[in-house]
Amino acid sequence: MLAGIDSEVHFTHLSQTCVDSLLEAFGKTSKKIFPPDIADVFFTTKSILDLIEAIGVPLDQVCLLDPKAKRELSPDDTYTNFLFGVGVDQFT
């Protein structure tokens, strides 16, 4: 919902069991699971790099949103894709 109606949200690197369970939980068999008035949400077993390659997104158009980044995003940045990491921060 917060990503916007014209956006896509991809959950990657999931086990097939997890993908199947999430699709079943939402009562859908297709990857498009939510109403049309919010962002499309997809679940996949692919890694993020494999997904980026498969959908044809140039890596220089992917912004890794990192709270420890050395600089903040600016209006001059021209990213069209944003990568949010979710998980345990093993490098703290």
C-alpha atoms as a PDB file:
ATOM      1  CA  MET A   1       0.000   0.000   0.000  1.00  0.00           C
ATOM      2  CA  LEU A   2       2.807   2.428   0.850  1.00  0.00           C
ATOM      3  CA  ALA A   3       4.785   1.579  -2.281  1.00  0.00           C
ATOM      4  CA  GLY A   4       2.159   3.124  -4.557  1.00  0.00           C
ATOM      5  CA  ILE A   5      -0.307   1.816  -7.098  1.00  0.00           C
ATOM      6  CA  ASP A   6       2.177   1.711 -10.008  1.00  0.00           C
ATOM      7  CA  SER A   7       4.855  -0.098  -7.990  1.00  0.00           C
ATOM      8  CA  GLU A   8       5.858  -3.701  -7.530  1.00  0.00           C
ATOM      9  CA  VAL A   9       7.067  -5.288  -4.309  1.00  0.00           C
ATOM     10  CA  HIS A  10       9.062  -8.509  -4.636  1.00  0.00           C
ATOM     11  CA  PHE A  11       9.853 -10.831  -1.748  1.00  0.00           C
ATOM     12  CA  THR A  12      12.887 -12.815  -2.871  1.00  0.00           C
ATOM     13  CA  HIS A  13      15.033 -15.736  -1.801  1.00  0.00           C
ATOM     14  CA  LEU A  14      12.087 -17.563  -0.232  1.00  0.00           C
ATOM     15  CA  SER A  15      11.796 -21.328  -0.032  1.00  0.00           C
ATOM     16  CA  GLN A  16       9.236 -22.896  -2.366  1.00  0.00           C
ATOM     17  CA  THR A  17       7.324 -24.020   0.720  1.00  0.00           C
ATOM     18  CA  CYS A  18       7.161 -20.418   1.914  1.00  0.00           C
ATOM     19  CA  VAL A  19       6.014 -19.163  -1.519  1.00  0.00           C
ATOM     20  CA  ASP A  20       3.321 -21.839  -1.664  1.00  0.00           C
ATOM     21  CA  SER A  21       2.166 -21.085   1.897  1.00  0.00           C
ATOM     22  CA  LEU A  22       1.948 -17.346   1.265  1.00  0.00           C
ATOM     23  CA  LEU A  23      -0.026 -17.849  -1.931  1.00  0.00           C
ATOM     24  CA  GLU A  24      -2.333 -20.314  -0.167  1.00  0.00           C
ATOM     25  CA  ALA A  25      -2.793 -17.945   2.788  1.00  0.00           C
ATOM     26  CA  PHE A  26      -4.053 -15.297   0.404  1.00  0.00           C
ATOM     27  CA  GLY A  27      -6.243 -17.787  -1.436  1.00  0.00           C
ATOM     28  CA  LYS A  28      -4.550 -17.227  -4.767  1.00  0.00           C
ATOM     29  CA  THR A  29      -2.656 -19.391  -7.175  1.00  0.00           C
ATOM     30  CA  SER A  30      -1.201 -16.559  -9.240  1.00  0.00           C
ATOM     31  CA  LYS A  31       1.638 -14.281  -8.229  1.00  0.00           C
ATOM     32  CA  LYS A  32      -0.677 -11.202  -8.371  1.00  0.00           C
ATOM     33  CA  ILE A  33      -2.387 -11.474  -5.010  1.00  0.00           C
ATOM     34  CA  PHE A  34      -3.640  -8.084  -3.886  1.00  0.00           C
ATOM     35  CA  PRO A  35      -6.414  -5.754  -5.061  1.00  0.00           C
ATOM     36  CA  PRO A  36      -5.681  -3.520  -8.063  1.00  0.00           C
ATOM     37  CA  ASP A  37      -5.603  -0.292  -6.027  1.00  0.00           C
ATOM     38  CA  ILE A  38      -2.267  -1.093  -4.324  1.00  0.00           C
ATOM     39  CA  ALA A  39       1.202  -2.166  -5.479  1.00  0.00           C
ATOM     40  CA  ASP A  40       1.633  -5.569  -7.070  1.00  0.00           C
ATOM     41  CA  VAL A  41       3.254  -8.038  -4.653  1.00  0.00           C
ATOM     42  CA  PHE A  42       5.236 -11.074  -5.782  1.00  0.00           C
ATOM     43  CA  PHE A  43       6.938 -13.958  -3.976  1.00  0.00           C
ATOM     44  CA  THR A  44       9.859 -15.836  -5.515  1.00  0.00           C
ATOM     45  CA  THR A  45      12.539 -18.381  -4.742  1.00  0.00           C
ATOM     46  CA  LYS A  46      15.023 -16.408  -6.876  1.00  0.00           C
ATOM     47  CA  SER A  47      17.811 -14.422  -5.266  1.00  0.00           C
ATOM     48  CA  ILE A  48      17.591 -10.654  -5.618  1.00  0.00           C
ATOM     49  CA  LEU A  49      20.420 -10.558  -8.173  1.00  0.00           C
ATOM     50  CA  ASP A  50      18.782 -13.299 -10.255  1.00  0.00           C
ATOM     51  CA  LEU A  51      15.458 -11.450 -10.115  1.00  0.00           C
ATOM     52  CA  ILE A  52      17.033  -8.127 -11.135  1.00  0.00           C
ATOM     53  CA  GLU A  53      18.649  -9.840 -14.122  1.00  0.00           C
ATOM     54  CA  ALA A  54      15.451 -11.719 -15.047  1.00  0.00           C
ATOM     55  CA  ILE A  55      13.303  -8.592 -15.133  1.00  0.00           C
ATOM     56  CA  GLY A  56      15.952  -6.638 -17.021  1.00  0.00           C
ATOM     57  CA  VAL A  57      16.702  -3.898 -14.534  1.00  0.00           C
ATOM     58  CA  PRO A  58      20.161  -2.314 -14.958  1.00  0.00           C
ATOM     59  CA  LEU A  59      22.113  -2.535 -11.692  1.00  0.00           C
ATOM     60  CA  ASP A  60      22.968   1.173 -11.911  1.00  0.00           C
ATOM     61  CA  GLN A  61      19.242   1.893 -11.557  1.00  0.00           C
ATOM     62  CA  VAL A  62      18.952  -0.018  -8.278  1.00  0.00           C
ATOM     63  CA  CYS A  63      19.428   1.958  -5.086  1.00  0.00           C
ATOM     64  CA  LEU A  64      20.354  -0.125  -2.065  1.00  0.00           C
ATOM     65  CA  LEU A  65      18.716   1.671   0.844  1.00  0.00           C
ATOM     66  CA  ASP A  66      21.270   1.322   3.607  1.00  0.00           C
ATOM     67  CA  PRO A  67      20.844   3.122   6.944  1.00  0.00           C
ATOM     68  CA  LYS A  68      24.659   3.065   7.282  1.00  0.00           C
ATOM     69  CA  ALA A  69      25.294   4.656   3.869  1.00  0.00           C
ATOM     70  CA  LYS A  70      27.956   7.344   3.674  1.00  0.00           C
ATOM     71  CA  ARG A  71      25.610   9.765   1.902  1.00  0.00           C
ATOM     72  CA  GLU A  72      21.905  10.468   1.840  1.00  0.00           C
ATOM     73  CA  LEU A  73      19.695  10.269  -1.222  1.00  0.00           C
ATOM     74  CA  SER A  74      19.388  13.560  -3.027  1.00  0.00           C
ATOM     75  CA  PRO A  75      16.976  15.017  -5.594  1.00  0.00           C
ATOM     76  CA  ASP A  76      19.787  14.644  -8.153  1.00  0.00           C
ATOM     77  CA  ASP A  77      19.717  10.831  -7.830  1.00  0.00           C
ATOM     78  CA  THR A  78      17.993   9.132 -10.756  1.00  0.00           C
ATOM     79  CA  TYR A  79      17.247   5.683  -9.341  1.00  0.00           C
ATOM     80  CA  THR A  80      14.134   3.941 -10.609  1.00  0.00           C
ATOM     81  CA  ASN A  81      14.333   0.888  -8.332  1.00  0.00           C
ATOM     82  CA  PHE A  82      14.901   0.622  -4.605  1.00  0.00           C
ATOM     83  CA  LEU A  83      16.179  -2.377  -2.685  1.00  0.00           C
ATOM     84  CA  PHE A  84      15.198  -2.770   0.965  1.00  0.00           C
ATOM     85  CA  GLY A  85      17.013  -5.429   2.943  1.00  0.00           C
ATOM     86  CA  VAL A  86      15.141  -7.280   5.631  1.00  0.00           C
ATOM     87  CA  GLY A  87      16.826  -9.656   8.001  1.00  0.00           C
ATOM     88  CA  VAL A  88      19.422  -9.988  10.679  1.00  0.00           C
ATOM     89  CA  ASP A  89      22.259  -7.474  10.446  1.00  0.00           C
ATOM     90  CA  GLN A  90      25.248  -9.777  10.753  1.00  0.00           C
ATOM     91  CA  PHE A  91      27.795  -7.039  10.116  1.00  0.00           C
ATOM     92  CA  THR A  92      27.095  -4.737  13.058  1.00  0.00           C
END
